[in-house]
Amino acid sequence: MNIKSMLIALSACVAAAGCSPLAPQPDRSKFFILTPLSEGATSAATPASTAGNSPLTIGIGPIDFPDYLRRLEVVTRSSPNQLDLSAEKRWGEPLDKNFERVLGENLAQLLNTQQIEKYPWPRKTQVDYQVSIDVQRFETSTDGQSQLVARWVIKDGGTGKDLAASQTTASAPVGSGETGASIALSSDLGTLSREIASRIAELRNHRTPATSTIERQRQSAVSARAKDLNSAESIAD
């Protein structure tokens, strides 16, 4: 076989290999994330951080998330009893973790505080309010809508007593383009964040100053100091 024939045969083999189903296929995965509320969207902030009030400490969690959403594939509901998993669209991080992180960012903006604790937080950390959430739906559907259904409870951070409970149902149209689903779901999460923040603001407005985190810390310090003095007096006697 001459050189020309060898080159032709080699080219044919390369072409055949490229079309073979066994050949490596390009990765067409695309990754998406939820996004927090923009500063403009929170300009009409809730009245939780009025002048003279110390920043709140908010504890987030536990957050119960459906197992069918605890995956990287983007889920679309095609019927009440059927879910479709995208072959190419992926979440950039587990959806439940992304949900928790963005919720924390939203509440920080809406309540004007950077003191956000994720469950479980250290025992020594005192929170003003704890927000626990049971997410029941958080996906888009083939009819071009997103849907969020979540039940939530706000607890007193000191006593653990339930202070408020409600359910948020939110929906938004899925826009055109590949980011339409993540934008719509981010909007739904924003709705949930606003409702929770608004309720926390109402609770704080009816809370006596002595029950704030800083006041509780001061009271604890005073109590500890009093115990030390009593112990010292007992020893002296």
Protein backbone atom coordinates (compact mmCIF):
# COMPACT_ATOMS: atom_id res chain seq x y z
CA MET A 1 0.00 0.00 0.00
CA ASN A 2 1.44 3.35 -1.00
CA ILE A 3 1.47 6.46 1.18
CA LYS A 4 -1.55 8.01 -0.54
CA SER A 5 -3.68 4.92 0.05
CA MET A 6 -2.59 4.77 3.70
CA LEU A 7 -3.62 8.40 4.26
CA ILE A 8 -7.01 7.79 2.68
CA ALA A 9 -7.57 4.72 4.86
CA LEU A 10 -6.49 6.61 7.99
CA SER A 11 -8.85 9.49 7.22
CA ALA A 12 -11.71 7.07 6.76
CA CYS A 13 -10.98 5.45 10.14
CA VAL A 14 -10.87 8.81 11.90
CA ALA A 15 -14.14 9.87 10.33
CA ALA A 16 -15.78 6.58 11.28
CA ALA A 17 -14.55 6.87 14.87
CA GLY A 18 -15.94 10.39 15.16
CA CYS A 19 -19.40 9.20 14.17
CA SER A 20 -19.31 6.12 16.35
CA PRO A 21 -21.79 5.99 19.25
CA LEU A 22 -18.86 4.82 21.39
CA ALA A 23 -16.95 8.03 20.78
CA PRO A 24 -16.83 10.54 23.69
CA GLN A 25 -19.78 12.93 23.56
CA PRO A 26 -19.45 16.63 24.41
CA ASP A 27 -20.83 17.70 27.79
CA ARG A 28 -23.77 20.00 27.09
CA SER A 29 -24.67 20.57 30.74
CA LYS A 30 -25.75 24.07 31.70
CA PHE A 31 -25.84 25.24 35.29
CA PHE A 32 -28.30 27.60 36.98
CA ILE A 33 -28.75 29.19 40.41
CA LEU A 34 -31.41 31.07 42.34
CA THR A 35 -30.73 34.76 42.91
CA PRO A 36 -31.60 37.03 45.85
CA LEU A 37 -33.78 40.10 45.72
CA SER A 38 -32.14 43.13 44.17
CA GLU A 39 -31.59 46.25 46.26
CA GLY A 40 -34.32 48.02 44.32
CA ALA A 41 -36.78 45.27 45.18
CA THR A 42 -36.15 45.80 48.90
CA SER A 43 -36.23 49.60 48.88
CA ALA A 44 -39.64 49.49 50.53
CA ALA A 45 -38.16 47.59 53.44
CA THR A 46 -40.20 46.25 56.31
CA PRO A 47 -40.23 48.33 59.49
CA ALA A 48 -38.29 45.72 61.46
CA SER A 49 -35.13 47.79 61.87
CA THR A 50 -36.39 51.18 62.90
CA ALA A 51 -34.09 53.76 64.40
CA GLY A 52 -32.93 52.92 67.88
CA ASN A 53 -33.50 49.18 67.52
CA SER A 54 -30.55 46.82 67.51
CA PRO A 55 -30.23 44.46 64.51
CA LEU A 56 -32.14 41.23 64.81
CA THR A 57 -30.51 37.83 64.91
CA ILE A 58 -32.50 35.44 62.72
CA GLY A 59 -32.11 31.68 62.80
CA ILE A 60 -33.09 29.88 59.59
CA GLY A 61 -34.07 26.24 59.70
CA PRO A 62 -34.68 23.48 59.76
CA ILE A 63 -35.93 23.57 56.17
CA ASP A 64 -37.70 20.40 55.04
CA PHE A 65 -37.30 19.91 51.28
CA PRO A 66 -38.94 17.24 49.06
CA ASP A 67 -36.56 14.43 48.20
CA TYR A 68 -37.48 14.62 44.51
CA LEU A 69 -35.96 18.10 44.44
CA ARG A 70 -32.77 17.14 46.27
CA ARG A 71 -30.88 16.60 43.01
CA LEU A 72 -28.81 18.57 40.54
CA GLU A 73 -31.11 17.95 37.56
CA VAL A 74 -33.72 20.66 36.94
CA VAL A 75 -37.17 19.17 37.56
CA THR A 76 -40.26 20.08 35.53
CA ARG A 77 -43.73 18.86 36.46
CA SER A 78 -45.45 17.59 33.31
CA SER A 79 -48.59 16.34 35.07
CA PRO A 80 -49.83 16.00 38.65
CA ASN A 81 -48.21 12.57 38.82
CA GLN A 82 -45.22 12.94 36.51
CA LEU A 83 -41.89 14.73 36.77
CA ASP A 84 -39.38 15.27 33.98
CA LEU A 85 -35.66 15.55 34.73
CA SER A 86 -33.63 17.63 32.33
CA ALA A 87 -30.79 15.85 30.56
CA GLU A 88 -28.75 19.05 30.26
CA LYS A 89 -29.98 21.64 32.78
CA ARG A 90 -28.40 21.39 36.22
CA TRP A 91 -28.49 23.37 39.43
CA GLY A 92 -25.12 24.88 40.29
CA GLU A 93 -25.51 23.58 43.86
CA PRO A 94 -28.07 21.33 45.55
CA LEU A 95 -31.39 23.16 45.29
CA ASP A 96 -32.21 22.93 49.01
CA LYS A 97 -28.86 24.53 49.90
CA ASN A 98 -29.33 27.23 47.27
CA PHE A 99 -32.85 27.87 48.61
CA GLU A 100 -31.57 28.26 52.18
CA ARG A 101 -28.70 30.53 51.19
CA VAL A 102 -30.82 32.88 49.08
CA LEU A 103 -33.55 32.99 51.73
CA GLY A 104 -30.91 34.11 54.23
CA GLU A 105 -29.69 36.83 51.87
CA ASN A 106 -33.23 38.05 51.30
CA LEU A 107 -34.08 38.23 55.00
CA ALA A 108 -30.81 40.01 55.69
CA GLN A 109 -31.79 42.70 53.17
CA LEU A 110 -35.43 42.96 54.18
CA LEU A 111 -34.72 43.09 57.92
CA ASN A 112 -31.53 45.14 57.62
CA THR A 113 -29.37 42.68 59.54
CA GLN A 114 -26.28 40.62 58.83
CA GLN A 115 -26.90 38.36 61.81
CA ILE A 116 -28.29 35.31 60.02
CA GLU A 117 -27.68 31.88 61.56
CA LYS A 118 -28.24 28.60 59.74
CA TYR A 119 -29.65 25.62 61.58
CA PRO A 120 -28.16 24.07 63.63
CA TRP A 121 -26.33 27.01 65.20
CA PRO A 122 -24.06 26.77 68.29
CA ARG A 123 -25.86 26.56 71.62
CA LYS A 124 -24.19 29.73 72.83
CA THR A 125 -25.66 31.66 69.90
CA GLN A 126 -28.88 33.43 70.82
CA VAL A 127 -31.37 34.24 68.08
CA ASP A 128 -34.36 36.57 68.30
CA TYR A 129 -36.52 34.55 65.94
CA GLN A 130 -36.24 31.09 64.41
CA VAL A 131 -37.86 30.39 61.03
CA SER A 132 -38.61 26.77 60.16
CA ILE A 133 -40.02 25.91 56.73
CA ASP A 134 -41.70 22.89 55.14
CA VAL A 135 -41.35 23.21 51.35
CA GLN A 136 -43.96 21.14 49.53
CA ARG A 137 -43.62 22.38 45.94
CA PHE A 138 -40.81 24.28 44.25
CA GLU A 139 -40.60 23.62 40.53
CA THR A 140 -41.80 24.77 37.14
CA SER A 141 -44.43 23.04 35.02
CA THR A 142 -44.88 22.48 31.31
CA ASP A 143 -47.68 25.09 31.24
CA GLY A 144 -45.04 27.79 31.67
CA GLN A 145 -45.54 28.59 35.35
CA SER A 146 -43.43 28.17 38.46
CA GLN A 147 -44.94 27.19 41.77
CA LEU A 148 -43.85 27.43 45.38
CA VAL A 149 -45.91 26.04 48.24
CA ALA A 150 -44.31 26.33 51.66
CA ARG A 151 -45.57 26.21 55.24
CA TRP A 152 -43.55 28.18 57.76
CA VAL A 153 -43.40 28.83 61.47
CA ILE A 154 -41.72 31.66 63.36
CA LYS A 155 -40.58 30.75 66.86
CA ASP A 156 -39.30 32.82 69.73
CA GLY A 157 -35.55 32.33 69.74
CA GLY A 158 -35.33 32.27 73.51
CA THR A 159 -38.27 30.07 74.50
CA GLY A 160 -38.92 28.13 71.31
CA LYS A 161 -42.59 29.12 71.50
CA ASP A 162 -44.51 29.34 68.22
CA LEU A 163 -45.31 32.99 67.51
CA ALA A 164 -46.74 32.77 63.99
CA ALA A 165 -47.54 30.15 61.37
CA SER A 166 -48.66 30.52 57.78
CA GLN A 167 -48.45 29.12 54.27
CA THR A 168 -47.09 30.88 51.21
CA THR A 169 -48.26 29.96 47.71
CA ALA A 170 -46.48 31.81 44.92
CA SER A 171 -46.36 31.48 41.15
CA ALA A 172 -44.69 33.37 38.31
CA PRO A 173 -44.60 33.02 34.53
CA VAL A 174 -41.50 31.30 33.18
CA GLY A 175 -39.94 33.70 30.70
CA SER A 176 -38.31 32.79 27.45
CA GLY A 177 -34.67 31.82 27.45
CA GLU A 178 -32.72 29.24 29.37
CA THR A 179 -32.75 31.22 32.63
CA GLY A 180 -36.54 31.61 32.65
CA ALA A 181 -37.11 28.85 35.21
CA SER A 182 -34.46 30.01 37.69
CA ILE A 183 -35.69 33.62 37.46
CA ALA A 184 -39.32 32.60 38.09
CA LEU A 185 -38.38 30.40 41.05
CA SER A 186 -36.21 33.20 42.47
CA SER A 187 -39.25 35.47 42.27
CA ASP A 188 -41.34 32.92 44.19
CA LEU A 189 -38.66 32.67 46.86
CA GLY A 190 -38.65 36.46 47.05
CA THR A 191 -42.40 36.41 47.76
CA LEU A 192 -41.87 33.91 50.57
CA SER A 193 -39.03 36.02 51.99
CA ARG A 194 -41.17 39.17 52.03
CA GLU A 195 -44.05 37.45 53.81
CA ILE A 196 -41.75 36.05 56.49
CA ALA A 197 -39.92 39.35 56.94
CA SER A 198 -43.18 41.27 57.20
CA ARG A 199 -44.44 38.94 59.92
CA ILE A 200 -41.18 39.19 61.85
CA ALA A 201 -41.45 43.00 61.65
CA GLU A 202 -44.95 42.86 63.13
CA LEU A 203 -43.80 40.58 65.91
CA ARG A 204 -40.90 42.84 66.75
CA ASN A 205 -43.08 45.92 66.90
CA HIS A 206 -45.16 44.18 69.59
CA ARG A 207 -42.18 42.80 71.47
CA THR A 208 -40.94 44.54 74.58
CA PRO A 209 -37.33 45.77 74.36
CA ALA A 210 -36.33 43.53 77.24
CA THR A 211 -36.81 40.45 75.09
CA SER A 212 -34.31 41.42 72.40
CA THR A 213 -31.11 39.42 71.96
CA ILE A 214 -28.87 42.12 73.41
CA GLU A 215 -31.13 42.63 76.41
CA ARG A 216 -31.26 38.90 77.06
CA GLN A 217 -27.47 38.81 76.94
CA ARG A 218 -27.28 41.70 79.39
CA GLN A 219 -29.75 40.02 81.69
CA SER A 220 -27.73 36.81 81.56
CA ALA A 221 -24.55 38.71 82.38
CA VAL A 222 -26.22 40.48 85.30
CA SER A 223 -27.64 37.21 86.57
CA ALA A 224 -24.25 35.52 86.34
CA ARG A 225 -22.62 38.45 88.15
CA ALA A 226 -25.22 38.27 90.91
CA LYS A 227 -24.57 34.56 91.37
CA ASP A 228 -20.82 35.22 91.63
CA LEU A 229 -21.40 37.89 94.28
CA ASN A 230 -23.71 35.62 96.25
CA SER A 231 -21.15 32.83 96.12
CA ALA A 232 -18.41 35.18 97.28
CA GLU A 233 -20.54 36.42 100.17
CA SER A 234 -21.34 32.85 101.20
CA ILE A 235 -17.67 31.95 101.28
CA ALA A 236 -16.89 35.11 103.29
CA ASP A 237 -19.54 34.23 105.87
